[in-house]
């Protein structure tokens, strides 16, 4: 089970950084911390792991978190999964808040094959 938790945490950081970048030009660890409500040490460890994996670069002078090409692609894929699941759950009758909350959890565990089912469902 630890593999799932690591992946979920990694994906939450990437998605959060992506969404923060949509609203502001510069994103730092403190912004991620504030958004997720996590401890400074947890966020520091998380973003350092993202950098180690090649998803982001941390500008040591400004603290800005900058996506690499691979990191942006992965973050956008995670966000697309989130949006697709939210739309599918709402189409099934869930209220927006409930759909959003559950999509946030589901996006980390749904297989690619099942995601394609959801994508096709919302196109109907």
PDB file of N, CA and C in Angstrom:
ATOM      1  N   UNK A   1       0.794  -1.220   0.000  1.00  0.00           N
ATOM      2  CA  UNK A   1       0.000   0.000   0.000  1.00  0.00           C
ATOM      3  C   UNK A   1       0.832   1.277   0.000  1.00  0.00           C
ATOM      4  N   UNK A   2       2.067   1.299   0.502  1.00  0.00           N
ATOM      5  CA  UNK A   2       2.852   2.529   0.500  1.00  0.00           C
ATOM      6  C   UNK A   2       3.067   3.106  -0.900  1.00  0.00           C
ATOM      7  N   UNK A   3       3.125   2.265  -1.910  1.00  0.00           N
ATOM      8  CA  UNK A   3       3.338   2.746  -3.273  1.00  0.00           C
ATOM      9  C   UNK A   3       2.178   3.642  -3.684  1.00  0.00           C
ATOM     10  N   UNK A   4       0.959   3.234  -3.393  1.00  0.00           N
ATOM     11  CA  UNK A   4      -0.216   4.030  -3.721  1.00  0.00           C
ATOM     12  C   UNK A   4      -0.160   5.375  -3.005  1.00  0.00           C
ATOM     13  N   UNK A   5       0.158   5.376  -1.739  1.00  0.00           N
ATOM     14  CA  UNK A   5       0.190   6.605  -0.948  1.00  0.00           C
ATOM     15  C   UNK A   5       1.233   7.570  -1.516  1.00  0.00           C
ATOM     16  N   UNK A   6       2.407   7.064  -1.871  1.00  0.00           N
ATOM     17  CA  UNK A   6       3.454   7.901  -2.444  1.00  0.00           C
ATOM     18  C   UNK A   6       2.975   8.505  -3.755  1.00  0.00           C
ATOM     19  N   UNK A   7       2.370   7.687  -4.599  1.00  0.00           N
ATOM     20  CA  UNK A   7       1.890   8.165  -5.889  1.00  0.00           C
ATOM     21  C   UNK A   7       0.798   9.212  -5.695  1.00  0.00           C
ATOM     22  N   UNK A   8      -0.114   8.948  -4.769  1.00  0.00           N
ATOM     23  CA  UNK A   8      -1.200   9.896  -4.516  1.00  0.00           C
ATOM     24  C   UNK A   8      -0.640  11.231  -4.035  1.00  0.00           C
ATOM     25  N   UNK A   9       0.295  11.193  -3.116  1.00  0.00           N
ATOM     26  CA  UNK A   9       0.907  12.406  -2.592  1.00  0.00           C
ATOM     27  C   UNK A   9       1.625  13.160  -3.711  1.00  0.00           C
ATOM     28  N   UNK A  10       2.408  12.444  -4.490  1.00  0.00           N
ATOM     29  CA  UNK A  10       3.134  13.041  -5.610  1.00  0.00           C
ATOM     30  C   UNK A  10       2.164  13.711  -6.571  1.00  0.00           C
ATOM     31  N   UNK A  11       1.089  13.027  -6.907  1.00  0.00           N
ATOM     32  CA  UNK A  11       0.117  13.566  -7.845  1.00  0.00           C
ATOM     33  C   UNK A  11      -0.609  14.785  -7.270  1.00  0.00           C
ATOM     34  N   UNK A  12      -0.888  14.774  -5.975  1.00  0.00           N
ATOM     35  CA  UNK A  12      -1.542  15.926  -5.352  1.00  0.00           C
ATOM     36  C   UNK A  12      -0.632  17.151  -5.413  1.00  0.00           C
ATOM     37  N   UNK A  13       0.653  16.958  -5.168  1.00  0.00           N
ATOM     38  CA  UNK A  13       1.589  18.077  -5.262  1.00  0.00           C
ATOM     39  C   UNK A  13       1.640  18.623  -6.683  1.00  0.00           C
ATOM     40  N   UNK A  14       1.767  17.734  -7.659  1.00  0.00           N
ATOM     41  CA  UNK A  14       1.845  18.180  -9.050  1.00  0.00           C
ATOM     42  C   UNK A  14       0.591  18.928  -9.474  1.00  0.00           C
ATOM     43  N   UNK A  15      -0.565  18.375  -9.131  1.00  0.00           N
ATOM     44  CA  UNK A  15      -1.826  19.024  -9.504  1.00  0.00           C
ATOM     45  C   UNK A  15      -1.963  20.377  -8.805  1.00  0.00           C
ATOM     46  N   UNK A  16      -1.592  20.457  -7.558  1.00  0.00           N
ATOM     47  CA  UNK A  16      -1.677  21.709  -6.809  1.00  0.00           C
ATOM     48  C   UNK A  16      -0.760  22.763  -7.407  1.00  0.00           C
ATOM     49  N   UNK A  17       0.451  22.381  -7.737  1.00  0.00           N
ATOM     50  CA  UNK A  17       1.389  23.334  -8.355  1.00  0.00           C
ATOM     51  C   UNK A  17       0.817  23.833  -9.683  1.00  0.00           C
ATOM     52  N   UNK A  18       0.262  22.930 -10.477  1.00  0.00           N
ATOM     53  CA  UNK A  18      -0.334  23.308 -11.763  1.00  0.00           C
ATOM     54  C   UNK A  18      -1.464  24.314 -11.558  1.00  0.00           C
ATOM     55  N   UNK A  19      -2.364  24.028 -10.641  1.00  0.00           N
ATOM     56  CA  UNK A  19      -3.497  24.923 -10.404  1.00  0.00           C
ATOM     57  C   UNK A  19      -3.050  26.271  -9.846  1.00  0.00           C
ATOM     58  N   UNK A  20      -2.051  26.267  -8.985  1.00  0.00           N
ATOM     59  CA  UNK A  20      -1.521  27.529  -8.466  1.00  0.00           C
ATOM     60  C   UNK A  20      -0.903  28.353  -9.593  1.00  0.00           C
ATOM     61  N   UNK A  21      -0.202  27.688 -10.510  1.00  0.00           N
ATOM     62  CA  UNK A  21       0.401  28.397 -11.650  1.00  0.00           C
ATOM     63  C   UNK A  21      -0.663  29.025 -12.539  1.00  0.00           C
ATOM     64  N   UNK A  22      -1.857  28.459 -12.583  1.00  0.00           N
ATOM     65  CA  UNK A  22      -2.929  29.038 -13.395  1.00  0.00           C
ATOM     66  C   UNK A  22      -3.379  30.388 -12.835  1.00  0.00           C
ATOM     67  N   UNK A  23      -3.201  30.589 -11.533  1.00  0.00           N
ATOM     68  CA  UNK A  23      -3.648  31.824 -10.905  1.00  0.00           C
ATOM     69  C   UNK A  23      -2.561  32.820 -10.577  1.00  0.00           C
ATOM     70  N   UNK A  24      -1.310  32.380 -10.627  1.00  0.00           N
ATOM     71  CA  UNK A  24      -0.202  33.274 -10.287  1.00  0.00           C
ATOM     72  C   UNK A  24       1.043  32.844 -11.041  1.00  0.00           C
ATOM     73  N   UNK A  25       1.893  33.797 -11.406  1.00  0.00           N
ATOM     74  CA  UNK A  25       3.064  33.463 -12.216  1.00  0.00           C
ATOM     75  C   UNK A  25       4.135  32.673 -11.462  1.00  0.00           C
ATOM     76  N   UNK A  26       4.286  32.954 -10.168  1.00  0.00           N
ATOM     77  CA  UNK A  26       5.321  32.286  -9.387  1.00  0.00           C
ATOM     78  C   UNK A  26       4.683  31.473  -8.267  1.00  0.00           C
ATOM     79  N   UNK A  27       5.124  30.230  -8.148  1.00  0.00           N
ATOM     80  CA  UNK A  27       4.618  29.338  -7.107  1.00  0.00           C
ATOM     81  C   UNK A  27       5.805  28.851  -6.295  1.00  0.00           C
ATOM     82  N   UNK A  28       5.673  28.965  -4.975  1.00  0.00           N
ATOM     83  CA  UNK A  28       6.727  28.500  -4.082  1.00  0.00           C
ATOM     84  C   UNK A  28       6.161  27.435  -3.147  1.00  0.00           C
ATOM     85  N   UNK A  29       7.027  26.772  -2.435  1.00  0.00           N
ATOM     86  CA  UNK A  29       6.600  25.722  -1.504  1.00  0.00           C
ATOM     87  C   UNK A  29       5.584  26.236  -0.499  1.00  0.00           C
ATOM     88  N   UNK A  30       5.758  27.468  -0.055  1.00  0.00           N
ATOM     89  CA  UNK A  30       4.840  28.046   0.926  1.00  0.00           C
ATOM     90  C   UNK A  30       3.424  28.131   0.348  1.00  0.00           C
ATOM     91  N   UNK A  31       3.309  28.387  -0.940  1.00  0.00           N
ATOM     92  CA  UNK A  31       1.996  28.449  -1.588  1.00  0.00           C
ATOM     93  C   UNK A  31       1.334  27.065  -1.595  1.00  0.00           C
ATOM     94  N   UNK A  32       2.143  26.059  -1.881  1.00  0.00           N
ATOM     95  CA  UNK A  32       1.643  24.677  -1.871  1.00  0.00           C
ATOM     96  C   UNK A  32       1.217  24.307  -0.457  1.00  0.00           C
ATOM     97  N   UNK A  33       2.040  24.660   0.507  1.00  0.00           N
ATOM     98  CA  UNK A  33       1.732  24.383   1.910  1.00  0.00           C
ATOM     99  C   UNK A  33       0.406  25.020   2.310  1.00  0.00           C
ATOM    100  N   UNK A  34       0.238  26.286   1.959  1.00  0.00           N
ATOM    101  CA  UNK A  34      -0.994  26.994   2.305  1.00  0.00           C
ATOM    102  C   UNK A  34      -2.211  26.367   1.625  1.00  0.00           C
ATOM    103  N   UNK A  35      -2.048  25.987   0.389  1.00  0.00           N
ATOM    104  CA  UNK A  35      -3.163  25.403  -0.369  1.00  0.00           C
ATOM    105  C   UNK A  35      -3.579  24.046   0.182  1.00  0.00           C
ATOM    106  N   UNK A  36      -2.595  23.218   0.523  1.00  0.00           N
ATOM    107  CA  UNK A  36      -2.891  21.862   0.983  1.00  0.00           C
ATOM    108  C   UNK A  36      -3.053  21.758   2.500  1.00  0.00           C
ATOM    109  N   UNK A  37      -2.625  22.780   3.215  1.00  0.00           N
ATOM    110  CA  UNK A  37      -2.743  22.758   4.670  1.00  0.00           C
ATOM    111  C   UNK A  37      -1.835  21.731   5.329  1.00  0.00           C
ATOM    112  N   UNK A  38      -0.655  21.553   4.769  1.00  0.00           N
ATOM    113  CA  UNK A  38       0.299  20.583   5.294  1.00  0.00           C
ATOM    114  C   UNK A  38       1.440  21.276   6.028  1.00  0.00           C
ATOM    115  N   UNK A  39       2.191  20.493   6.764  1.00  0.00           N
ATOM    116  CA  UNK A  39       3.353  21.015   7.477  1.00  0.00           C
ATOM    117  C   UNK A  39       4.442  21.418   6.486  1.00  0.00           C
ATOM    118  N   UNK A  40       5.192  22.427   6.855  1.00  0.00           N
ATOM    119  CA  UNK A  40       6.298  22.914   6.021  1.00  0.00           C
ATOM    120  C   UNK A  40       7.266  21.784   5.681  1.00  0.00           C
ATOM    121  N   UNK A  41       7.588  20.940   6.658  1.00  0.00           N
ATOM    122  CA  UNK A  41       8.534  19.846   6.436  1.00  0.00           C
ATOM    123  C   UNK A  41       8.000  18.832   5.422  1.00  0.00           C
ATOM    124  N   UNK A  42       6.703  18.561   5.455  1.00  0.00           N
ATOM    125  CA  UNK A  42       6.099  17.621   4.507  1.00  0.00           C
ATOM    126  C   UNK A  42       6.179  18.154   3.088  1.00  0.00           C
ATOM    127  N   UNK A  43       5.857  19.425   2.924  1.00  0.00           N
ATOM    128  CA  UNK A  43       5.889  20.035   1.596  1.00  0.00           C
ATOM    129  C   UNK A  43       7.320  20.132   1.090  1.00  0.00           C
ATOM    130  N   UNK A  44       8.238  20.480   1.962  1.00  0.00           N
ATOM    131  CA  UNK A  44       9.647  20.557   1.582  1.00  0.00           C
ATOM    132  C   UNK A  44      10.136  19.207   1.068  1.00  0.00           C
ATOM    133  N   UNK A  45       9.817  18.164   1.794  1.00  0.00           N
ATOM    134  CA  UNK A  45      10.200  16.810   1.379  1.00  0.00           C
ATOM    135  C   UNK A  45       9.536  16.454   0.053  1.00  0.00           C
ATOM    136  N   UNK A  46       8.246  16.781  -0.074  1.00  0.00           N
ATOM    137  CA  UNK A  46       7.495  16.457  -1.285  1.00  0.00           C
ATOM    138  C   UNK A  46       8.040  17.135  -2.530  1.00  0.00           C
ATOM    139  N   UNK A  47       8.298  18.440  -2.440  1.00  0.00           N
ATOM    140  CA  UNK A  47       8.797  19.134  -3.628  1.00  0.00           C
ATOM    141  C   UNK A  47      10.233  18.718  -3.951  1.00  0.00           C
ATOM    142  N   UNK A  48      11.022  18.401  -2.938  1.00  0.00           N
ATOM    143  CA  UNK A  48      12.378  17.904  -3.214  1.00  0.00           C
ATOM    144  C   UNK A  48      12.334  16.561  -3.933  1.00  0.00           C
ATOM    145  N   UNK A  49      11.377  15.717  -3.575  1.00  0.00           N
ATOM    146  CA  UNK A  49      11.218  14.438  -4.279  1.00  0.00           C
ATOM    147  C   UNK A  49      10.777  14.667  -5.723  1.00  0.00           C
ATOM    148  N   UNK A  50       9.906  15.642  -5.942  1.00  0.00           N
ATOM    149  CA  UNK A  50       9.485  15.961  -7.307  1.00  0.00           C
ATOM    150  C   UNK A  50      10.666  16.441  -8.138  1.00  0.00           C
ATOM    151  N   UNK A  51      11.532  17.216  -7.515  1.00  0.00           N
ATOM    152  CA  UNK A  51      12.723  17.688  -8.227  1.00  0.00           C
ATOM    153  C   UNK A  51      13.657  16.516  -8.529  1.00  0.00           C
ATOM    154  N   UNK A  52      13.827  15.648  -7.566  1.00  0.00           N
ATOM    155  CA  UNK A  52      14.694  14.483  -7.748  1.00  0.00           C
ATOM    156  C   UNK A  52      14.190  13.585  -8.886  1.00  0.00           C
ATOM    157  N   UNK A  53      12.878  13.502  -9.037  1.00  0.00           N
ATOM    158  CA  UNK A  53      12.277  12.683 -10.096  1.00  0.00           C
ATOM    159  C   UNK A  53      12.264  13.399 -11.445  1.00  0.00           C
ATOM    160  N   UNK A  54      12.649  14.666 -11.459  1.00  0.00           N
ATOM    161  CA  UNK A  54      12.725  15.402 -12.717  1.00  0.00           C
ATOM    162  C   UNK A  54      11.428  16.057 -13.149  1.00  0.00           C
ATOM    163  N   UNK A  55      10.479  16.243 -12.220  1.00  0.00           N
ATOM    164  CA  UNK A  55       9.203  16.857 -12.553  1.00  0.00           C
ATOM    165  C   UNK A  55       9.216  18.373 -12.401  1.00  0.00           C
ATOM    166  N   UNK A  56      10.033  18.872 -11.486  1.00  0.00           N
ATOM    167  CA  UNK A  56      10.119  20.313 -11.275  1.00  0.00           C
ATOM    168  C   UNK A  56      11.582  20.693 -11.052  1.00  0.00           C
ATOM    169  N   UNK A  57      11.817  21.979 -11.177  1.00  0.00           N
ATOM    170  CA  UNK A  57      13.099  22.574 -10.801  1.00  0.00           C
ATOM    171  C   UNK A  57      12.780  23.598  -9.716  1.00  0.00           C
ATOM    172  N   UNK A  58      13.557  23.608  -8.664  1.00  0.00           N
ATOM    173  CA  UNK A  58      13.376  24.595  -7.598  1.00  0.00           C
ATOM    174  C   UNK A  58      14.466  25.649  -7.766  1.00  0.00           C
ATOM    175  N   UNK A  59      14.054  26.864  -8.081  1.00  0.00           N
ATOM    176  CA  UNK A  59      15.002  27.963  -8.216  1.00  0.00           C
ATOM    177  C   UNK A  59      15.511  28.297  -6.814  1.00  0.00           C
ATOM    178  N   UNK A  60      16.794  28.068  -6.570  1.00  0.00           N
ATOM    179  CA  UNK A  60      17.365  28.243  -5.230  1.00  0.00           C
ATOM    180  C   UNK A  60      17.417  29.701  -4.778  1.00  0.00           C
ATOM    181  N   UNK A  61      17.374  30.629  -5.709  1.00  0.00           N
ATOM    182  CA  UNK A  61      17.391  32.055  -5.336  1.00  0.00           C
ATOM    183  C   UNK A  61      16.010  32.568  -4.936  1.00  0.00           C
ATOM    184  N   UNK A  62      14.993  32.161  -5.709  1.00  0.00           N
ATOM    185  CA  UNK A  62      13.645  32.701  -5.480  1.00  0.00           C
ATOM    186  C   UNK A  62      12.710  31.711  -4.780  1.00  0.00           C
ATOM    187  N   UNK A  63      13.050  30.439  -4.843  1.00  0.00           N
ATOM    188  CA  UNK A  63      12.173  29.412  -4.288  1.00  0.00           C
ATOM    189  C   UNK A  63      11.047  29.016  -5.225  1.00  0.00           C
ATOM    190  N   UNK A  64      11.034  29.584  -6.433  1.00  0.00           N
ATOM    191  CA  UNK A  64       9.982  29.265  -7.393  1.00  0.00           C
ATOM    192  C   UNK A  64      10.065  27.807  -7.836  1.00  0.00           C
ATOM    193  N   UNK A  65       8.891  27.206  -7.972  1.00  0.00           N
ATOM    194  CA  UNK A  65       8.778  25.834  -8.469  1.00  0.00           C
ATOM    195  C   UNK A  65       8.436  25.918  -9.946  1.00  0.00           C
ATOM    196  N   UNK A  66       9.316  25.367 -10.775  1.00  0.00           N
ATOM    197  CA  UNK A  66       9.173  25.462 -12.223  1.00  0.00           C
ATOM    198  C   UNK A  66       9.056  24.058 -12.793  1.00  0.00           C
ATOM    199  N   UNK A  67       7.998  23.814 -13.568  1.00  0.00           N
ATOM    200  CA  UNK A  67       7.809  22.503 -14.175  1.00  0.00           C
ATOM    201  C   UNK A  67       8.865  22.209 -15.233  1.00  0.00           C
ATOM    202  N   UNK A  68       9.289  20.964 -15.299  1.00  0.00           N
ATOM    203  CA  UNK A  68      10.020  20.479 -16.467  1.00  0.00           C
ATOM    204  C   UNK A  68       8.948  20.074 -17.473  1.00  0.00           C
ATOM    205  N   UNK A  69       9.341  19.754 -18.678  1.00  0.00           N
ATOM    206  CA  UNK A  69       8.373  19.297 -19.679  1.00  0.00           C
ATOM    207  C   UNK A  69       7.618  18.063 -19.198  1.00  0.00           C
ATOM    208  N   UNK A  70       8.360  17.113 -18.644  1.00  0.00           N
ATOM    209  CA  UNK A  70       7.743  15.878 -18.157  1.00  0.00           C
ATOM    210  C   UNK A  70       6.814  16.153 -16.976  1.00  0.00           C
ATOM    211  N   UNK A  71       7.206  17.072 -16.117  1.00  0.00           N
ATOM    212  CA  UNK A  71       6.391  17.399 -14.955  1.00  0.00           C
ATOM    213  C   UNK A  71       5.083  18.066 -15.338  1.00  0.00           C
ATOM    214  N   UNK A  72       5.165  19.005 -16.278  1.00  0.00           N
ATOM    215  CA  UNK A  72       3.944  19.676 -16.740  1.00  0.00           C
ATOM    216  C   UNK A  72       3.002  18.677 -17.402  1.00  0.00           C
ATOM    217  N   UNK A  73       3.559  17.796 -18.218  1.00  0.00           N
ATOM    218  CA  UNK A  73       2.727  16.792 -18.900  1.00  0.00           C
ATOM    219  C   UNK A  73       2.027  15.895 -17.881  1.00  0.00           C
ATOM    220  N   UNK A  74       2.758  15.448 -16.886  1.00  0.00           N
ATOM    221  CA  UNK A  74       2.173  14.580 -15.857  1.00  0.00           C
ATOM    222  C   UNK A  74       1.102  15.333 -15.072  1.00  0.00           C
ATOM    223  N   UNK A  75       1.379  16.567 -14.674  1.00  0.00           N
ATOM    224  CA  UNK A  75       0.419  17.369 -13.910  1.00  0.00           C
ATOM    225  C   UNK A  75      -0.855  17.611 -14.721  1.00  0.00           C
ATOM    226  N   UNK A  76      -0.703  17.937 -15.989  1.00  0.00           N
ATOM    227  CA  UNK A  76      -1.873  18.170 -16.836  1.00  0.00           C
ATOM    228  C   UNK A  76      -2.693  16.894 -17.011  1.00  0.00           C
ATOM    229  N   UNK A  77      -2.020  15.753 -17.089  1.00  0.00           N
ATOM    230  CA  UNK A  77      -2.728  14.466 -17.186  1.00  0.00           C
ATOM    231  C   UNK A  77      -3.534  14.174 -15.928  1.00  0.00           C
ATOM    232  N   UNK A  78      -2.954  14.460 -14.783  1.00  0.00           N
ATOM    233  CA  UNK A  78      -3.649  14.253 -13.506  1.00  0.00           C
ATOM    234  C   UNK A  78      -4.870  15.171 -13.433  1.00  0.00           C
ATOM    235  N   UNK A  79      -4.691  16.414 -13.818  1.00  0.00           N
ATOM    236  CA  UNK A  79      -5.789  17.377 -13.772  1.00  0.00           C
ATOM    237  C   UNK A  79      -6.904  16.979 -14.741  1.00  0.00           C
ATOM    238  N   UNK A  80      -6.530  16.478 -15.894  1.00  0.00           N
ATOM    239  CA  UNK A  80      -7.536  16.029 -16.872  1.00  0.00           C
ATOM    240  C   UNK A  80      -8.338  14.878 -16.292  1.00  0.00           C
ATOM    241  N   UNK A  81      -7.674  13.950 -15.606  1.00  0.00           N
ATOM    242  CA  UNK A  81      -8.377  12.829 -14.965  1.00  0.00           C
ATOM    243  C   UNK A  81      -9.371  13.362 -13.940  1.00  0.00           C
ATOM    244  N   UNK A  82      -8.935  14.325 -13.155  1.00  0.00           N
ATOM    245  CA  UNK A  82      -9.780  14.925 -12.128  1.00  0.00           C
ATOM    246  C   UNK A  82     -11.027  15.557 -12.756  1.00  0.00           C
ATOM    247  N   UNK A  83     -10.831  16.345 -13.792  1.00  0.00           N
ATOM    248  CA  UNK A  83     -11.951  17.004 -14.463  1.00  0.00           C
ATOM    249  C   UNK A  83     -12.910  15.987 -15.074  1.00  0.00           C
ATOM    250  N   UNK A  84     -12.360  14.968 -15.721  1.00  0.00           N
ATOM    251  CA  UNK A  84     -13.188  13.940 -16.358  1.00  0.00           C
ATOM    252  C   UNK A  84     -14.033  13.210 -15.321  1.00  0.00           C
ATOM    253  N   UNK A  85     -13.412  12.809 -14.224  1.00  0.00           N
ATOM    254  CA  UNK A  85     -14.150  12.103 -13.176  1.00  0.00           C
ATOM    255  C   UNK A  85     -15.214  12.992 -12.554  1.00  0.00           C
ATOM    256  N   UNK A  86     -14.894  14.249 -12.331  1.00  0.00           N
ATOM    257  CA  UNK A  86     -15.881  15.179 -11.767  1.00  0.00           C
ATOM    258  C   UNK A  86     -17.091  15.284 -12.688  1.00  0.00           C
ATOM    259  N   UNK A  87     -16.856  15.463 -13.976  1.00  0.00           N
ATOM    260  CA  UNK A  87     -17.951  15.581 -14.943  1.00  0.00           C
ATOM    261  C   UNK A  87     -18.779  14.296 -14.994  1.00  0.00           C
ATOM    262  N   UNK A  88     -18.105  13.149 -14.976  1.00  0.00           N
ATOM    263  CA  UNK A  88     -18.826  11.874 -15.037  1.00  0.00           C
ATOM    264  C   UNK A  88     -19.702  11.678 -13.800  1.00  0.00           C
ATOM    265  N   UNK A  89     -19.160  12.000 -12.637  1.00  0.00           N
ATOM    266  CA  UNK A  89     -19.931  11.839 -11.403  1.00  0.00           C
ATOM    267  C   UNK A  89     -21.124  12.798 -11.369  1.00  0.00           C
ATOM    268  N   UNK A  90     -20.943  13.991 -11.882  1.00  0.00           N
ATOM    269  CA  UNK A  90     -22.061  14.934 -11.948  1.00  0.00           C
ATOM    270  C   UNK A  90     -23.109  14.453 -12.943  1.00  0.00           C
ATOM    271  N   UNK A  91     -22.660  13.891 -14.045  1.00  0.00           N
ATOM    272  CA  UNK A  91     -23.596  13.353 -15.040  1.00  0.00           C
ATOM    273  C   UNK A  91     -24.404  12.201 -14.448  1.00  0.00           C
ATOM    274  N   UNK A  92     -23.802  11.487 -13.513  1.00  0.00           N
ATOM    275  CA  UNK A  92     -24.500  10.397 -12.828  1.00  0.00           C
ATOM    276  C   UNK A  92     -25.476  10.916 -11.771  1.00  0.00           C
ATOM    277  N   UNK A  93     -25.408  12.216 -11.477  1.00  0.00           N
ATOM    278  CA  UNK A  93     -26.353  12.808 -10.532  1.00  0.00           C
ATOM    279  C   UNK A  93     -25.753  13.368  -9.264  1.00  0.00           C
ATOM    280  N   UNK A  94     -24.452  13.263  -9.097  1.00  0.00           N
ATOM    281  CA  UNK A  94     -23.814  13.805  -7.892  1.00  0.00           C
ATOM    282  C   UNK A  94     -23.805  15.331  -7.944  1.00  0.00           C
ATOM    283  N   UNK A  95     -23.977  15.956  -6.787  1.00  0.00           N
ATOM    284  CA  UNK A  95     -23.867  17.414  -6.698  1.00  0.00           C
ATOM    285  C   UNK A  95     -22.406  17.793  -6.923  1.00  0.00           C
ATOM    286  N   UNK A  96     -22.151  19.001  -7.432  1.00  0.00           N
ATOM    287  CA  UNK A  96     -20.777  19.407  -7.767  1.00  0.00           C
ATOM    288  C   UNK A  96     -19.748  19.195  -6.656  1.00  0.00           C
ATOM    289  N   UNK A  97     -20.062  19.586  -5.435  1.00  0.00           N
ATOM    290  CA  UNK A  97     -19.104  19.438  -4.334  1.00  0.00           C
ATOM    291  C   UNK A  97     -18.772  17.991  -4.043  1.00  0.00           C
ATOM    292  N   UNK A  98     -19.793  17.144  -4.058  1.00  0.00           N
ATOM    293  CA  UNK A  98     -19.595  15.718  -3.817  1.00  0.00           C
ATOM    294  C   UNK A  98     -18.797  15.084  -4.953  1.00  0.00           C
ATOM    295  N   UNK A  99     -19.131  15.472  -6.180  1.00  0.00           N
ATOM    296  CA  UNK A  99     -18.410  14.947  -7.347  1.00  0.00           C
ATOM    297  C   UNK A  99     -16.936  15.345  -7.286  1.00  0.00           C
ATOM    298  N   UNK A 100     -16.679  16.598  -6.974  1.00  0.00           N
ATOM    299  CA  UNK A 100     -15.308  17.121  -6.891  1.00  0.00           C
ATOM    300  C   UNK A 100     -14.508  16.389  -5.819  1.00  0.00           C
ATOM    301  N   UNK A 101     -15.090  16.244  -4.656  1.00  0.00           N
ATOM    302  CA  UNK A 101     -14.415  15.588  -3.536  1.00  0.00           C
ATOM    303  C   UNK A 101     -14.060  14.134  -3.853  1.00  0.00           C
ATOM    304  N   UNK A 102     -14.978  13.420  -4.457  1.00  0.00           N
ATOM    305  CA  UNK A 102     -14.729  12.016  -4.771  1.00  0.00           C
ATOM    306  C   UNK A 102     -13.794  11.853  -5.962  1.00  0.00           C
ATOM    307  N   UNK A 103     -13.900  12.731  -6.935  1.00  0.00           N
ATOM    308  CA  UNK A 103     -12.991  12.681  -8.088  1.00  0.00           C
ATOM    309  C   UNK A 103     -11.551  12.860  -7.631  1.00  0.00           C
ATOM    310  N   UNK A 104     -11.362  13.719  -6.632  1.00  0.00           N
ATOM    311  CA  UNK A 104     -10.034  13.993  -6.100  1.00  0.00           C
ATOM    312  C   UNK A 104      -9.392  12.722  -5.538  1.00  0.00           C
ATOM    313  N   UNK A 105     -10.195  11.877  -4.948  1.00  0.00           N
ATOM    314  CA  UNK A 105      -9.667  10.626  -4.402  1.00  0.00           C
ATOM    315  C   UNK A 105      -9.544   9.555  -5.484  1.00  0.00           C
ATOM    316  N   UNK A 106     -10.509   9.507  -6.380  1.00  0.00           N
ATOM    317  CA  UNK A 106     -10.545   8.456  -7.401  1.00  0.00           C
ATOM    318  C   UNK A 106      -9.440   8.598  -8.447  1.00  0.00           C
ATOM    319  N   UNK A 107      -9.069   9.823  -8.768  1.00  0.00           N
ATOM    320  CA  UNK A 107      -8.135  10.069  -9.866  1.00  0.00           C
ATOM    321  C   UNK A 107      -6.807   9.345  -9.701  1.00  0.00           C
ATOM    322  N   UNK A 108      -6.470   8.982  -8.484  1.00  0.00           N
ATOM    323  CA  UNK A 108      -5.179   8.355  -8.206  1.00  0.00           C
ATOM    324  C   UNK A 108      -5.196   6.836  -8.346  1.00  0.00           C
ATOM    325  N   UNK A 109      -6.376   6.257  -8.406  1.00  0.00           N
ATOM    326  CA  UNK A 109      -6.454   4.791  -8.401  1.00  0.00           C
ATOM    327  C   UNK A 109      -7.162   4.198  -9.617  1.00  0.00           C
ATOM    328  N   UNK A 110      -7.850   5.012 -10.394  1.00  0.00           N
ATOM    329  CA  UNK A 110      -8.592   4.508 -11.546  1.00  0.00           C
ATOM    330  C   UNK A 110      -7.619   4.134 -12.665  1.00  0.00           C
ATOM    331  N   UNK A 111      -7.820   2.961 -13.240  1.00  0.00           N
ATOM    332  CA  UNK A 111      -6.950   2.495 -14.323  1.00  0.00           C
ATOM    333  C   UNK A 111      -7.148   3.339 -15.581  1.00  0.00           C
ATOM    334  N   UNK A 112      -6.173   3.304 -16.459  1.00  0.00           N
ATOM    335  CA  UNK A 112      -6.276   4.025 -17.733  1.00  0.00           C
ATOM    336  C   UNK A 112      -7.459   3.514 -18.546  1.00  0.00           C
ATOM    337  N   UNK A 113      -7.683   2.210 -18.504  1.00  0.00           N
ATOM    338  CA  UNK A 113      -8.797   1.612 -19.235  1.00  0.00           C
ATOM    339  C   UNK A 113     -10.136   2.146 -18.714  1.00  0.00           C
ATOM    340  N   UNK A 114     -10.262   2.234 -17.392  1.00  0.00           N
ATOM    341  CA  UNK A 114     -11.499   2.745 -16.810  1.00  0.00           C
ATOM    342  C   UNK A 114     -11.663   4.237 -17.088  1.00  0.00           C
ATOM    343  N   UNK A 115     -10.559   4.961 -17.119  1.00  0.00           N
ATOM    344  CA  UNK A 115     -10.634   6.390 -17.443  1.00  0.00           C
ATOM    345  C   UNK A 115     -11.208   6.581 -18.840  1.00  0.00           C
ATOM    346  N   UNK A 116     -10.837   5.702 -19.754  1.00  0.00           N
ATOM    347  CA  UNK A 116     -11.364   5.800 -21.115  1.00  0.00           C
ATOM    348  C   UNK A 116     -12.879   5.585 -21.126  1.00  0.00           C
ATOM    349  N   UNK A 117     -13.363   4.704 -20.267  1.00  0.00           N
ATOM    350  CA  UNK A 117     -14.810   4.490 -20.128  1.00  0.00           C
ATOM    351  C   UNK A 117     -15.471   5.790 -19.663  1.00  0.00           C
ATOM    352  N   UNK A 118     -14.879   6.442 -18.660  1.00  0.00           N
ATOM    353  CA  UNK A 118     -15.428   7.704 -18.167  1.00  0.00           C
ATOM    354  C   UNK A 118     -15.389   8.785 -19.245  1.00  0.00           C
ATOM    355  N   UNK A 119     -14.302   8.857 -19.996  1.00  0.00           N
ATOM    356  CA  UNK A 119     -14.189   9.869 -21.069  1.00  0.00           C
ATOM    357  C   UNK A 119     -15.291   9.659 -22.095  1.00  0.00           C
ATOM    358  N   UNK A 120     -15.509   8.421 -22.479  1.00  0.00           N
ATOM    359  CA  UNK A 120     -16.564   8.125 -23.454  1.00  0.00           C
ATOM    360  C   UNK A 120     -17.941   8.432 -22.882  1.00  0.00           C
ATOM    361  N   UNK A 121     -18.136   8.167 -21.616  1.00  0.00           N
ATOM    362  CA  UNK A 121     -19.434   8.410 -20.966  1.00  0.00           C
ATOM    363  C   UNK A 121     -19.791   9.897 -20.986  1.00  0.00           C
ATOM    364  N   UNK A 122     -18.830  10.758 -20.700  1.00  0.00           N
ATOM    365  CA  UNK A 122     -19.163  12.194 -20.656  1.00  0.00           C
ATOM    366  C   UNK A 122     -19.333  12.787 -22.053  1.00  0.00           C
ATOM    367  N   UNK A 123     -18.866  12.080 -23.088  1.00  0.00           N
ATOM    368  CA  UNK A 123     -19.059  12.561 -24.466  1.00  0.00           C
ATOM    369  C   UNK A 123     -20.472  12.302 -24.954  1.00  0.00           C
ATOM    370  N   UNK A 124     -21.149  11.320 -24.347  1.00  0.00           N
ATOM    371  CA  UNK A 124     -22.503  10.949 -24.803  1.00  0.00           C
ATOM    372  C   UNK A 124     -23.494  12.044 -24.568  1.00  0.00           C
TER     373      UNK A 124
END
